[in-house]
């Protein structure tokens, strides 16, 4: 309870000041009269009302007492600041645990993506395999992830989010152990495929679970923790590869089981999704789950909103794949699938693959200097720039970060393409040339631009834009599209560079950034600060992308 002493003129701005106290705040404002009766001051005070202001969400009521009569009115107030944090320590603890589940699910993928580059040389020496076999060893994780992503949503809708996440952790541990003890290439490829299954399940369900459980004001940050973890996993893998010799590739793979174990422990602690419980008709369990991540005064309100949405969806029976492609869902599906594909075809994996070559063109001729540059210029930049997205995705919104990212990626890819098309360092030891340095800077700018935009924002949007009725299947399809695009890039990138050259290939990626910018500008809505139910209402109303921007809650 907060007591404020107001001057007569201050009452006019009362409603605007009230909003700064945030949602669910109860505030009493009492005008005390201290002047003596009959004085001018007393008469002015007598005309000022005594006010009781209480508010919750975006509405507040004002009770006035003038001359003994009481009048109650209700008015709209701006939404609470998106910066508000849970005041309840227990709520904060559970939200943190959900963030950890999301984090370690992403770490699985990030570590595997980074560690394979350091392990391939040792694998080649141990089993005497060529580039073709190495390409299969690398790409079959993506193939496994694609297969798992297609069934992850259906599995999560039937069995729950937690069981599928537990399965993801177990599969990743099994894959890591098989890769570490493999007697030959065939078993190694099997281990890679099983690892891909675990990554595919986690890539669908972890962001979905986070979106359903996180408070809406910080949902973007919690979901984007998944991409932050991917970048952190890549950085750790680079560090492990630098510390261990390539001959110790079995140890590199075995260490991958660690995040799988931690993920299982975290998943066993957190509650099941309240929305899934409501779908299953287990209202008491839904209330219990929701109470862990919601302020006590808001539990019943949130539960009733979820119930209303789920009941409306259940009236039409169980969702089918045909409904995922129906006109009602089509716009959201196009947005999710389009962004998922643009995340891959703009060249992120190609840039990471060519990092050492780019640093060599900049004059870093020794293997050690290239490794260190890759570790810090690529790995550390990736992590730090993703932190920016996590910090500001709920303040600036999804669309601005995406649009800025596409611009930065386009400019930097052009610089990399020019660098590949120009002889940078003619002689070993000649030192970095100007063009080579521009190329290296272009690489770093590209990594940073991707990391604060497409990297985390795409996963956030995919997890929140679909109707709850088809969310599991739709997220699975969009994630599968992401893995499919990644698989195609991995399979045909070398063929493309051999056919048209590295410079033309990176100019092609730059052109994809232009298309991605246009796609985002025209079709991607702003979802910042809205509940999942509010996002669905916006889709149902139709309207332009501009209308989403105009009605978005202010940060």
Protein backbone atom coordinates (compact mmCIF):
# COMPACT_ATOMS: atom_id res chain seq x y z
CA UNK A 1 0.00 0.00 0.00
CA UNK A 2 1.44 3.33 -1.05
CA UNK A 3 0.35 6.70 0.36
CA UNK A 4 0.93 9.85 -1.66
CA UNK A 5 0.25 13.47 -0.78
CA UNK A 6 -1.16 15.22 -3.82
CA UNK A 7 -1.49 18.88 -4.65
CA UNK A 8 -4.75 20.02 -6.25
CA UNK A 9 -3.25 20.13 -9.75
CA UNK A 10 -1.64 16.71 -9.41
CA UNK A 11 -4.99 14.95 -9.46
CA UNK A 12 -5.34 15.64 -13.19
CA UNK A 13 -2.43 13.33 -14.02
CA UNK A 14 -3.46 10.64 -11.57
CA UNK A 15 -4.38 8.04 -14.17
CA UNK A 16 -1.08 8.40 -16.02
CA UNK A 17 0.91 8.11 -12.82
CA UNK A 18 -1.05 5.06 -11.75
CA UNK A 19 0.23 3.05 -14.67
CA UNK A 20 3.82 3.28 -13.45
CA UNK A 21 2.96 1.03 -10.53
CA UNK A 22 2.48 -1.88 -12.96
CA UNK A 23 -0.18 -4.51 -13.27
CA UNK A 24 -1.69 -6.12 -10.16
CA UNK A 25 -0.69 -3.20 -7.96
CA UNK A 26 -3.15 -1.94 -5.40
CA UNK A 27 -2.72 1.73 -4.57
CA UNK A 28 -4.53 4.02 -2.20
CA UNK A 29 -4.19 7.77 -2.68
CA UNK A 30 -5.64 9.83 0.10
CA UNK A 31 -5.87 13.64 0.14
CA UNK A 32 -5.37 14.82 3.69
CA UNK A 33 -6.70 18.19 4.76
CA UNK A 34 -4.31 20.00 7.04
CA UNK A 35 -5.52 23.57 6.64
CA UNK A 36 -7.76 25.19 9.24
CA UNK A 37 -11.51 25.34 8.57
CA UNK A 38 -12.69 28.47 6.85
CA UNK A 39 -9.35 29.30 5.27
CA UNK A 40 -8.78 29.51 1.51
CA UNK A 41 -6.61 26.43 1.67
CA UNK A 42 -9.32 24.53 3.47
CA UNK A 43 -11.92 25.39 0.84
CA UNK A 44 -9.66 24.20 -1.96
CA UNK A 45 -9.00 20.99 -0.10
CA UNK A 46 -12.68 20.44 0.55
CA UNK A 47 -13.31 20.46 -3.22
CA UNK A 48 -10.64 17.84 -3.86
CA UNK A 49 -11.88 14.25 -3.63
CA UNK A 50 -10.57 11.46 -1.53
CA UNK A 51 -9.46 8.75 -3.93
CA UNK A 52 -9.08 5.00 -3.66
CA UNK A 53 -7.44 3.55 -6.76
CA UNK A 54 -7.13 -0.18 -7.28
CA UNK A 55 -5.93 -1.84 -10.42
CA UNK A 56 -5.28 -5.16 -12.01
CA UNK A 57 -4.11 -5.86 -15.55
CA UNK A 58 -5.15 -3.09 -17.90
CA UNK A 59 -8.14 -1.81 -15.87
CA UNK A 60 -8.35 0.25 -12.71
CA UNK A 61 -11.26 1.52 -10.63
CA UNK A 62 -11.43 4.88 -8.90
CA UNK A 63 -13.58 5.40 -5.83
CA UNK A 64 -14.18 9.00 -4.85
CA UNK A 65 -15.65 10.38 -1.70
CA UNK A 66 -17.02 13.95 -1.96
CA UNK A 67 -19.20 15.32 0.75
CA UNK A 68 -19.96 11.87 2.11
CA UNK A 69 -21.12 10.45 -1.24
CA UNK A 70 -19.16 7.61 -2.80
CA UNK A 71 -18.83 7.16 -6.56
CA UNK A 72 -17.02 4.27 -8.26
CA UNK A 73 -15.75 4.39 -11.83
CA UNK A 74 -13.61 2.11 -13.94
CA UNK A 75 -11.09 3.29 -16.51
CA UNK A 76 -8.39 1.87 -18.72
CA UNK A 77 -4.77 2.05 -17.71
CA UNK A 78 -1.71 1.35 -19.80
CA UNK A 79 -0.28 -2.11 -19.50
CA UNK A 80 2.43 -2.84 -17.00
CA UNK A 81 6.01 -2.33 -17.98
CA UNK A 82 7.49 -5.33 -19.69
CA UNK A 83 10.45 -4.92 -17.41
CA UNK A 84 8.41 -5.99 -14.37
CA UNK A 85 9.83 -9.05 -12.68
CA UNK A 86 7.97 -11.55 -10.52
CA UNK A 87 7.78 -10.16 -7.00
CA UNK A 88 7.10 -13.58 -5.54
CA UNK A 89 10.39 -15.38 -4.88
CA UNK A 90 8.78 -18.77 -5.42
CA UNK A 91 7.49 -17.65 -8.82
CA UNK A 92 10.94 -16.36 -9.74
CA UNK A 93 12.46 -19.72 -8.77
CA UNK A 94 10.11 -21.67 -11.03
CA UNK A 95 10.54 -19.26 -13.94
CA UNK A 96 14.31 -19.65 -13.54
CA UNK A 97 13.97 -23.44 -13.64
CA UNK A 98 11.94 -23.21 -16.86
CA UNK A 99 14.67 -21.01 -18.33
CA UNK A 100 17.25 -23.64 -17.34
CA UNK A 101 15.27 -26.37 -19.11
CA UNK A 102 15.20 -24.21 -22.23
CA UNK A 103 18.89 -23.41 -21.86
CA UNK A 104 20.18 -26.98 -21.56
CA UNK A 105 17.90 -28.13 -24.38
CA UNK A 106 19.62 -25.58 -26.62
CA UNK A 107 23.04 -26.47 -25.24
CA UNK A 108 22.61 -30.01 -26.61
CA UNK A 109 22.42 -28.74 -30.16
CA UNK A 110 25.04 -26.03 -29.78
CA UNK A 111 27.68 -28.33 -28.35
CA UNK A 112 27.18 -30.94 -31.06
CA UNK A 113 27.26 -28.32 -33.81
CA UNK A 114 30.54 -26.95 -32.52
CA UNK A 115 32.33 -30.13 -31.48
CA UNK A 116 32.01 -32.01 -34.77
CA UNK A 117 34.40 -29.64 -36.55
CA UNK A 118 37.09 -30.39 -33.97
CA UNK A 119 36.43 -34.14 -33.99
CA UNK A 120 36.35 -34.76 -37.76
CA UNK A 121 40.12 -34.71 -38.22
CA UNK A 122 40.62 -37.31 -35.50
CA UNK A 123 37.79 -39.45 -36.89
CA UNK A 124 39.39 -39.32 -40.33
CA UNK A 125 42.73 -40.47 -38.92
CA UNK A 126 41.19 -43.24 -36.80
CA UNK A 127 38.99 -44.79 -39.50
CA UNK A 128 40.76 -43.55 -42.65
CA UNK A 129 37.63 -41.98 -44.14
CA UNK A 130 37.38 -39.40 -46.90
CA UNK A 131 35.37 -36.22 -47.33
CA UNK A 132 32.24 -38.08 -48.46
CA UNK A 133 32.04 -40.11 -45.25
CA UNK A 134 32.80 -37.02 -43.17
CA UNK A 135 29.90 -35.22 -44.84
CA UNK A 136 27.55 -38.09 -43.93
CA UNK A 137 28.83 -38.14 -40.34
CA UNK A 138 28.17 -34.41 -40.08
CA UNK A 139 24.79 -34.27 -41.80
CA UNK A 140 23.05 -37.27 -40.25
CA UNK A 141 22.48 -35.35 -37.03
CA UNK A 142 20.44 -32.90 -39.09
CA UNK A 143 18.55 -35.78 -40.72
CA UNK A 144 17.72 -37.26 -37.31
CA UNK A 145 16.58 -33.87 -36.04
CA UNK A 146 14.32 -33.45 -39.09
CA UNK A 147 12.63 -36.82 -38.49
CA UNK A 148 12.16 -36.19 -34.76
CA UNK A 149 10.83 -32.68 -35.32
CA UNK A 150 7.99 -34.03 -37.47
CA UNK A 151 6.66 -36.25 -34.66
CA UNK A 152 7.66 -34.17 -31.64
CA UNK A 153 4.55 -31.99 -31.61
CA UNK A 154 2.14 -34.94 -31.84
CA UNK A 155 4.06 -36.75 -29.11
CA UNK A 156 3.98 -33.70 -26.84
CA UNK A 157 0.24 -33.26 -27.38
CA UNK A 158 -0.41 -36.88 -26.47
CA UNK A 159 2.06 -37.56 -23.67
CA UNK A 160 2.88 -34.07 -22.40
CA UNK A 161 5.80 -31.69 -22.81
CA UNK A 162 7.94 -33.09 -19.98
CA UNK A 163 8.03 -36.73 -21.16
CA UNK A 164 9.20 -35.67 -24.62
CA UNK A 165 11.92 -33.47 -23.11
CA UNK A 166 13.01 -36.38 -20.92
CA UNK A 167 13.19 -38.56 -24.03
CA UNK A 168 15.30 -35.89 -25.73
CA UNK A 169 17.80 -35.94 -22.88
CA UNK A 170 17.99 -39.75 -22.86
CA UNK A 171 18.46 -39.92 -26.62
CA UNK A 172 21.23 -37.34 -26.50
CA UNK A 173 23.05 -39.25 -23.75
CA UNK A 174 22.70 -42.51 -25.68
CA UNK A 175 23.97 -40.88 -28.86
CA UNK A 176 26.96 -39.34 -27.08
CA UNK A 177 27.97 -42.67 -25.51
CA UNK A 178 27.60 -44.58 -28.81
CA UNK A 179 29.77 -42.02 -30.61
CA UNK A 180 32.40 -42.19 -27.85
CA UNK A 181 32.75 -46.01 -27.89
CA UNK A 182 32.06 -46.68 -31.58
CA UNK A 183 34.22 -49.40 -33.18
CA UNK A 184 33.63 -48.11 -36.71
CA UNK A 185 32.04 -45.54 -39.00
CA UNK A 186 28.69 -47.34 -39.30
CA UNK A 187 28.05 -47.31 -35.55
CA UNK A 188 29.31 -43.72 -35.38
CA UNK A 189 26.72 -42.67 -37.97
CA UNK A 190 24.04 -44.49 -35.94
CA UNK A 191 25.12 -42.55 -32.86
CA UNK A 192 24.93 -39.31 -34.83
CA UNK A 193 21.40 -40.18 -35.97
CA UNK A 194 20.26 -40.92 -32.39
CA UNK A 195 21.82 -37.66 -31.24
CA UNK A 196 19.84 -35.93 -33.98
CA UNK A 197 16.62 -37.48 -32.65
CA UNK A 198 17.31 -35.95 -29.23
CA UNK A 199 18.15 -32.55 -30.71
CA UNK A 200 15.03 -32.62 -32.90
CA UNK A 201 12.70 -33.36 -29.99
CA UNK A 202 14.34 -30.67 -27.86
CA UNK A 203 14.31 -28.04 -30.62
CA UNK A 204 10.52 -28.33 -30.93
CA UNK A 205 9.38 -28.85 -27.36
CA UNK A 206 11.77 -26.67 -25.33
CA UNK A 207 10.71 -23.35 -26.95
CA UNK A 208 7.08 -24.51 -26.99
CA UNK A 209 7.14 -25.40 -23.29
CA UNK A 210 8.84 -22.11 -22.42
CA UNK A 211 6.26 -20.11 -24.40
CA UNK A 212 3.37 -21.85 -22.64
CA UNK A 213 4.79 -21.49 -19.13
CA UNK A 214 6.70 -18.19 -19.06
CA UNK A 215 4.93 -14.98 -17.93
CA UNK A 216 3.95 -13.06 -21.06
CA UNK A 217 5.94 -9.93 -20.14
CA UNK A 218 9.21 -11.90 -20.24
CA UNK A 219 8.20 -14.72 -22.57
CA UNK A 220 10.50 -13.51 -25.35
CA UNK A 221 13.52 -13.58 -23.06
CA UNK A 222 12.78 -17.04 -21.70
CA UNK A 223 12.21 -18.56 -25.15
CA UNK A 224 15.26 -16.84 -26.65
CA UNK A 225 17.34 -18.51 -23.93
CA UNK A 226 17.22 -21.51 -26.27
CA UNK A 227 19.26 -19.73 -28.95
CA UNK A 228 21.56 -18.23 -26.32
CA UNK A 229 22.31 -21.76 -25.16
CA UNK A 230 23.05 -22.88 -28.72
CA UNK A 231 25.69 -20.16 -29.06
CA UNK A 232 27.08 -20.96 -25.61
CA UNK A 233 27.26 -24.64 -26.53
CA UNK A 234 29.16 -23.80 -29.72
CA UNK A 235 31.59 -21.68 -27.71
CA UNK A 236 32.17 -24.48 -25.17
CA UNK A 237 32.72 -26.95 -28.01
CA UNK A 238 35.29 -24.64 -29.62
CA UNK A 239 37.03 -24.36 -26.26
CA UNK A 240 37.04 -28.15 -25.75
CA UNK A 241 38.39 -28.66 -29.27
CA UNK A 242 41.17 -26.17 -28.52
CA UNK A 243 42.08 -27.83 -25.21
CA UNK A 244 41.96 -31.43 -26.47
CA UNK A 245 43.93 -32.96 -29.29
CA UNK A 246 41.96 -34.14 -32.32
CA UNK A 247 42.97 -37.71 -31.41
CA UNK A 248 40.84 -37.33 -28.28
CA UNK A 249 37.62 -37.04 -30.30
CA UNK A 250 35.98 -39.81 -28.25
CA UNK A 251 36.30 -37.67 -25.13
CA UNK A 252 34.82 -34.72 -27.01
CA UNK A 253 31.72 -36.76 -27.83
CA UNK A 254 31.43 -38.26 -24.34
CA UNK A 255 31.39 -34.79 -22.76
CA UNK A 256 28.24 -34.13 -24.79
CA UNK A 257 26.33 -36.39 -22.38
CA UNK A 258 26.74 -33.84 -19.57
CA UNK A 259 24.10 -31.34 -20.77
CA UNK A 260 21.79 -34.30 -21.43
CA UNK A 261 22.06 -35.41 -17.80
CA UNK A 262 21.47 -31.87 -16.50
CA UNK A 263 18.46 -31.46 -18.81
CA UNK A 264 16.86 -34.62 -17.40
CA UNK A 265 17.38 -33.41 -13.82
CA UNK A 266 15.83 -30.01 -14.58
CA UNK A 267 12.85 -31.52 -16.43
CA UNK A 268 12.12 -33.82 -13.49
CA UNK A 269 11.83 -30.74 -11.25
CA UNK A 270 9.66 -28.39 -13.33
CA UNK A 271 5.86 -28.72 -13.64
CA UNK A 272 4.03 -29.91 -16.74
CA UNK A 273 2.53 -27.27 -19.02
CA UNK A 274 -0.69 -25.86 -17.57
CA UNK A 275 -2.17 -25.59 -21.07
CA UNK A 276 -1.55 -29.28 -21.67
CA UNK A 277 -3.23 -30.14 -18.37
CA UNK A 278 -6.29 -28.11 -19.37
CA UNK A 279 -6.42 -29.93 -22.71
CA UNK A 280 -6.42 -33.22 -20.81
CA UNK A 281 -9.25 -32.02 -18.54
CA UNK A 282 -7.07 -31.96 -15.43
CA UNK A 283 -8.02 -28.55 -14.13
CA UNK A 284 -6.65 -29.03 -10.60
CA UNK A 285 -3.23 -30.00 -11.95
CA UNK A 286 -3.37 -27.05 -14.34
CA UNK A 287 -4.07 -24.69 -11.43
CA UNK A 288 -1.20 -26.21 -9.46
CA UNK A 289 1.17 -25.83 -12.41
CA UNK A 290 0.04 -22.28 -13.15
CA UNK A 291 0.39 -21.22 -9.50
CA UNK A 292 4.11 -21.95 -9.66
CA UNK A 293 4.78 -19.39 -12.41
CA UNK A 294 2.01 -16.84 -11.82
CA UNK A 295 1.41 -14.29 -9.07
CA UNK A 296 -1.26 -15.70 -6.68
CA UNK A 297 -3.83 -13.00 -7.47
CA UNK A 298 -3.66 -13.80 -11.19
CA UNK A 299 -3.90 -17.60 -11.15
CA UNK A 300 -7.68 -17.94 -11.53
CA UNK A 301 -7.85 -15.22 -14.18
CA UNK A 302 -5.11 -16.84 -16.27
CA UNK A 303 -6.63 -20.28 -15.78
CA UNK A 304 -10.04 -19.10 -16.97
CA UNK A 305 -8.46 -17.54 -20.09
CA UNK A 306 -6.61 -20.75 -20.91
CA UNK A 307 -9.77 -22.79 -20.30
CA UNK A 308 -11.84 -20.57 -22.55
CA UNK A 309 -9.30 -20.85 -25.36
CA UNK A 310 -8.87 -24.61 -24.99
CA UNK A 311 -12.63 -25.23 -24.78
CA UNK A 312 -13.20 -23.18 -27.92
CA UNK A 313 -10.56 -25.22 -29.72
CA UNK A 314 -11.86 -28.55 -28.36
CA UNK A 315 -15.36 -27.87 -29.69
CA UNK A 316 -14.14 -28.83 -33.16
CA UNK A 317 -12.58 -32.10 -32.04
CA UNK A 318 -8.95 -33.18 -32.21
CA UNK A 319 -6.73 -31.12 -34.48
CA UNK A 320 -5.57 -32.78 -37.69
CA UNK A 321 -2.70 -32.05 -40.06
CA UNK A 322 -5.26 -30.78 -42.55
CA UNK A 323 -6.19 -28.08 -40.05
CA UNK A 324 -2.56 -26.99 -39.79
CA UNK A 325 -2.75 -26.07 -43.48
CA UNK A 326 -6.27 -24.62 -43.29
CA UNK A 327 -6.96 -20.96 -44.18
CA UNK A 328 -7.44 -20.15 -40.49
CA UNK A 329 -3.87 -21.16 -39.64
CA UNK A 330 -2.22 -20.54 -43.00
CA UNK A 331 -0.97 -17.00 -42.34
CA UNK A 332 0.71 -17.99 -39.09
CA UNK A 333 2.14 -21.11 -40.72
CA UNK A 334 3.64 -19.10 -43.58
CA UNK A 335 5.27 -16.73 -41.09
CA UNK A 336 6.75 -19.52 -38.98
CA UNK A 337 7.95 -21.70 -41.85
CA UNK A 338 9.25 -18.72 -43.81
CA UNK A 339 11.35 -17.44 -40.92
CA UNK A 340 12.60 -20.96 -40.15
CA UNK A 341 13.85 -21.35 -43.72
CA UNK A 342 15.38 -17.87 -43.91
CA UNK A 343 17.30 -18.62 -40.72
CA UNK A 344 19.20 -21.31 -42.63
CA UNK A 345 19.41 -20.09 -46.25
CA UNK A 346 21.02 -16.78 -45.29
CA UNK A 347 24.29 -18.62 -44.72
CA UNK A 348 24.93 -18.94 -40.99
CA UNK A 349 26.29 -22.49 -41.18
CA UNK A 350 28.30 -21.68 -44.30
CA UNK A 351 29.95 -18.74 -42.54
CA UNK A 352 30.81 -20.90 -39.54
CA UNK A 353 32.12 -23.63 -41.85
CA UNK A 354 34.34 -21.16 -43.73
CA UNK A 355 35.52 -19.28 -40.63
CA UNK A 356 39.07 -20.66 -40.73
CA UNK A 357 39.38 -19.98 -44.47
CA UNK A 358 38.18 -16.41 -44.00
CA UNK A 359 40.66 -15.81 -41.20
CA UNK A 360 43.40 -17.27 -43.39
CA UNK A 361 42.48 -14.80 -46.13
CA UNK A 362 42.89 -12.03 -43.57
CA UNK A 363 46.50 -13.05 -42.98
CA UNK A 364 46.16 -15.44 -40.02
CA UNK A 365 48.23 -18.21 -41.57
CA UNK A 366 48.96 -20.46 -38.58
CA UNK A 367 46.44 -23.08 -37.48
CA UNK A 368 46.69 -21.91 -33.88
CA UNK A 369 45.88 -18.30 -34.74
CA UNK A 370 42.92 -19.41 -36.84
CA UNK A 371 41.63 -21.58 -33.98
CA UNK A 372 41.93 -18.75 -31.47
CA UNK A 373 40.25 -16.32 -33.86
CA UNK A 374 37.41 -18.78 -34.44
CA UNK A 375 37.00 -19.32 -30.70
CA UNK A 376 36.75 -15.64 -29.80
CA UNK A 377 35.68 -13.81 -32.98
CA UNK A 378 33.01 -16.36 -33.86
CA UNK A 379 32.18 -18.18 -30.63
CA UNK A 380 32.35 -15.29 -28.18
CA UNK A 381 30.72 -12.79 -30.57
CA UNK A 382 27.88 -15.27 -31.05
CA UNK A 383 27.27 -15.53 -27.30
CA UNK A 384 27.54 -11.81 -26.52
CA UNK A 385 25.30 -10.69 -29.38
CA UNK A 386 22.67 -13.24 -28.38
CA UNK A 387 22.70 -11.72 -24.89
CA UNK A 388 21.64 -8.45 -26.55
CA UNK A 389 18.61 -10.16 -28.07
CA UNK A 390 17.66 -11.80 -24.78
CA UNK A 391 17.89 -8.44 -23.02
CA UNK A 392 15.93 -6.40 -25.57
CA UNK A 393 13.55 -8.75 -27.38
CA UNK A 394 10.70 -7.81 -25.02
CA UNK A 395 11.62 -4.11 -25.10
CA UNK A 396 12.24 -3.40 -28.79
CA UNK A 397 10.05 -6.20 -30.13
CA UNK A 398 10.57 -9.04 -32.58
CA UNK A 399 10.18 -7.18 -35.88
CA UNK A 400 12.77 -4.42 -35.28
CA UNK A 401 15.43 -6.95 -34.29
CA UNK A 402 14.72 -9.07 -37.37
CA UNK A 403 14.80 -6.11 -39.75
CA UNK A 404 18.03 -4.72 -38.29
CA UNK A 405 19.56 -8.19 -38.41
CA UNK A 406 18.78 -8.71 -42.09
CA UNK A 407 20.39 -5.36 -42.93
CA UNK A 408 23.55 -6.16 -40.99
CA UNK A 409 23.76 -9.64 -42.49
CA UNK A 410 23.34 -8.32 -46.04
CA UNK A 411 26.13 -5.75 -45.69
CA UNK A 412 28.51 -8.19 -44.00
CA UNK A 413 27.86 -10.99 -46.51
CA UNK A 414 28.70 -8.59 -49.34
CA UNK A 415 31.99 -7.82 -47.58
CA UNK A 416 32.78 -11.54 -47.23
CA UNK A 417 31.89 -12.15 -50.89
CA UNK A 418 34.17 -9.31 -52.00
CA UNK A 419 36.94 -10.72 -49.83
CA UNK A 420 36.65 -14.15 -51.44
CA UNK A 421 36.64 -12.57 -54.88
CA UNK A 422 39.82 -10.58 -54.23
CA UNK A 423 43.29 -11.93 -53.63
CA UNK A 424 43.97 -10.80 -50.07
CA UNK A 425 47.34 -12.16 -49.06
CA UNK A 426 49.68 -13.19 -51.86
CA UNK A 427 52.53 -14.53 -49.76
CA UNK A 428 52.63 -16.44 -46.53
CA UNK A 429 53.74 -14.09 -43.81
CA UNK A 430 52.81 -10.99 -45.79
CA UNK A 431 50.41 -10.09 -43.02
CA UNK A 432 46.77 -9.09 -43.17
CA UNK A 433 45.73 -7.11 -46.23
CA UNK A 434 43.07 -4.41 -46.21
CA UNK A 435 40.63 -6.59 -48.14
CA UNK A 436 41.36 -9.53 -45.86
CA UNK A 437 40.68 -7.46 -42.78
CA UNK A 438 37.41 -6.21 -44.30
CA UNK A 439 36.48 -9.85 -44.90
CA UNK A 440 37.24 -10.80 -41.31
CA UNK A 441 35.27 -7.83 -39.98
CA UNK A 442 32.43 -8.86 -42.27
CA UNK A 443 32.41 -12.31 -40.70
CA UNK A 444 32.24 -10.91 -37.17
CA UNK A 445 29.48 -8.43 -38.12
CA UNK A 446 27.51 -11.21 -39.77
CA UNK A 447 27.74 -13.43 -36.69
CA UNK A 448 26.67 -10.54 -34.45
CA UNK A 449 23.79 -9.54 -36.76
CA UNK A 450 22.49 -13.09 -36.91
CA UNK A 451 22.92 -13.67 -33.18
CA UNK A 452 20.78 -10.71 -32.07
CA UNK A 453 18.08 -11.27 -34.69
CA UNK A 454 17.33 -14.45 -36.64
CA UNK A 455 19.07 -16.72 -34.15
CA UNK A 456 16.83 -16.19 -31.09
CA UNK A 457 13.86 -14.28 -32.54
CA UNK A 458 12.83 -16.99 -35.00
CA UNK A 459 12.49 -19.59 -32.23
CA UNK A 460 10.50 -17.13 -30.14
CA UNK A 461 8.03 -16.31 -32.91
CA UNK A 462 7.60 -19.94 -33.96
CA UNK A 463 6.68 -20.93 -30.41
CA UNK A 464 4.05 -18.22 -29.87
CA UNK A 465 2.17 -17.44 -33.11
CA UNK A 466 0.11 -20.59 -33.56
CA UNK A 467 -3.35 -21.36 -32.12
CA UNK A 468 -3.12 -23.63 -29.09
CA UNK A 469 -5.26 -26.22 -30.83
CA UNK A 470 -2.63 -26.90 -33.52
CA UNK A 471 0.43 -25.46 -31.78
CA UNK A 472 2.23 -28.75 -31.30
CA UNK A 473 1.84 -29.86 -34.92
CA UNK A 474 2.50 -26.38 -36.35
CA UNK A 475 5.68 -25.87 -34.32
CA UNK A 476 6.83 -29.33 -35.40
CA UNK A 477 6.27 -28.50 -39.06
CA UNK A 478 8.07 -25.15 -38.85
CA UNK A 479 10.99 -26.70 -36.97
CA UNK A 480 11.15 -29.55 -39.48
CA UNK A 481 11.31 -26.93 -42.25
CA UNK A 482 14.25 -25.36 -40.41
CA UNK A 483 16.07 -28.68 -40.17
CA UNK A 484 15.21 -29.51 -43.78
CA UNK A 485 16.74 -26.24 -44.97
CA UNK A 486 19.79 -26.85 -42.78
CA UNK A 487 20.18 -30.35 -44.23
CA UNK A 488 20.02 -29.06 -47.82
CA UNK A 489 22.57 -26.33 -47.12
CA UNK A 490 24.91 -28.85 -45.48
CA UNK A 491 24.52 -31.34 -48.35
CA UNK A 492 24.88 -28.96 -51.29
CA UNK A 493 27.00 -26.06 -50.02
CA UNK A 494 30.28 -27.55 -51.25
CA UNK A 495 28.67 -28.44 -54.58
CA UNK A 496 27.43 -24.87 -54.91
CA UNK A 497 30.80 -23.31 -54.14
CA UNK A 498 32.48 -25.66 -56.62
CA UNK A 499 29.98 -24.76 -59.31
CA UNK A 500 29.72 -20.96 -59.04
CA UNK A 501 32.56 -20.11 -56.64
CA UNK A 502 32.69 -18.89 -53.05
CA UNK A 503 32.20 -15.22 -53.89
CA UNK A 504 29.03 -15.81 -55.92
CA UNK A 505 27.72 -18.17 -53.23
CA UNK A 506 27.99 -15.53 -50.53
CA UNK A 507 26.41 -12.91 -52.81
CA UNK A 508 23.55 -15.41 -53.20
CA UNK A 509 23.22 -15.58 -49.41
CA UNK A 510 23.17 -11.77 -49.34
CA UNK A 511 20.28 -11.81 -51.82
CA UNK A 512 18.42 -14.17 -49.46
CA UNK A 513 18.81 -11.51 -46.75
CA UNK A 514 17.04 -8.97 -48.98
CA UNK A 515 14.18 -11.41 -49.52
CA UNK A 516 14.08 -12.09 -45.78
CA UNK A 517 13.83 -8.37 -45.04
CA UNK A 518 10.92 -7.98 -47.47
CA UNK A 519 9.20 -11.06 -46.05
CA UNK A 520 9.51 -9.78 -42.48
CA UNK A 521 8.35 -6.27 -43.41
CA UNK A 522 5.22 -7.55 -45.16
CA UNK A 523 4.16 -10.63 -43.24
CA UNK A 524 5.69 -10.94 -39.76
CA UNK A 525 3.53 -9.40 -36.99
CA UNK A 526 4.74 -7.86 -33.73
CA UNK A 527 3.86 -10.22 -30.86
CA UNK A 528 5.72 -8.49 -28.04
CA UNK A 529 3.84 -8.25 -24.73
CA UNK A 530 0.78 -10.26 -25.81
CA UNK A 531 -0.48 -13.44 -24.20
CA UNK A 532 -0.78 -16.50 -26.42
CA UNK A 533 -4.56 -16.07 -26.30
CA UNK A 534 -4.29 -12.41 -27.38
CA UNK A 535 -2.07 -13.40 -30.32
CA UNK A 536 -4.74 -15.84 -31.45
CA UNK A 537 -7.41 -13.12 -31.17
CA UNK A 538 -5.31 -10.86 -33.40
CA UNK A 539 -5.08 -13.58 -36.06
CA UNK A 540 -8.83 -14.15 -35.85
CA UNK A 541 -9.50 -10.43 -36.37
CA UNK A 542 -7.30 -10.35 -39.45
CA UNK A 543 -6.04 -6.88 -40.25
CA UNK A 544 -2.73 -5.57 -41.48
CA UNK A 545 0.72 -5.96 -39.98
CA UNK A 546 0.51 -2.24 -39.17
CA UNK A 547 -2.47 -2.90 -36.89
CA UNK A 548 -0.35 -5.36 -34.89
CA UNK A 549 2.31 -2.68 -34.45
CA UNK A 550 -0.20 0.00 -33.45
CA UNK A 551 -1.85 -2.16 -30.79
CA UNK A 552 1.34 -3.70 -29.39
CA UNK A 553 1.78 -2.97 -25.65
CA UNK A 554 4.34 -0.27 -24.99
CA UNK A 555 7.55 -1.42 -23.29
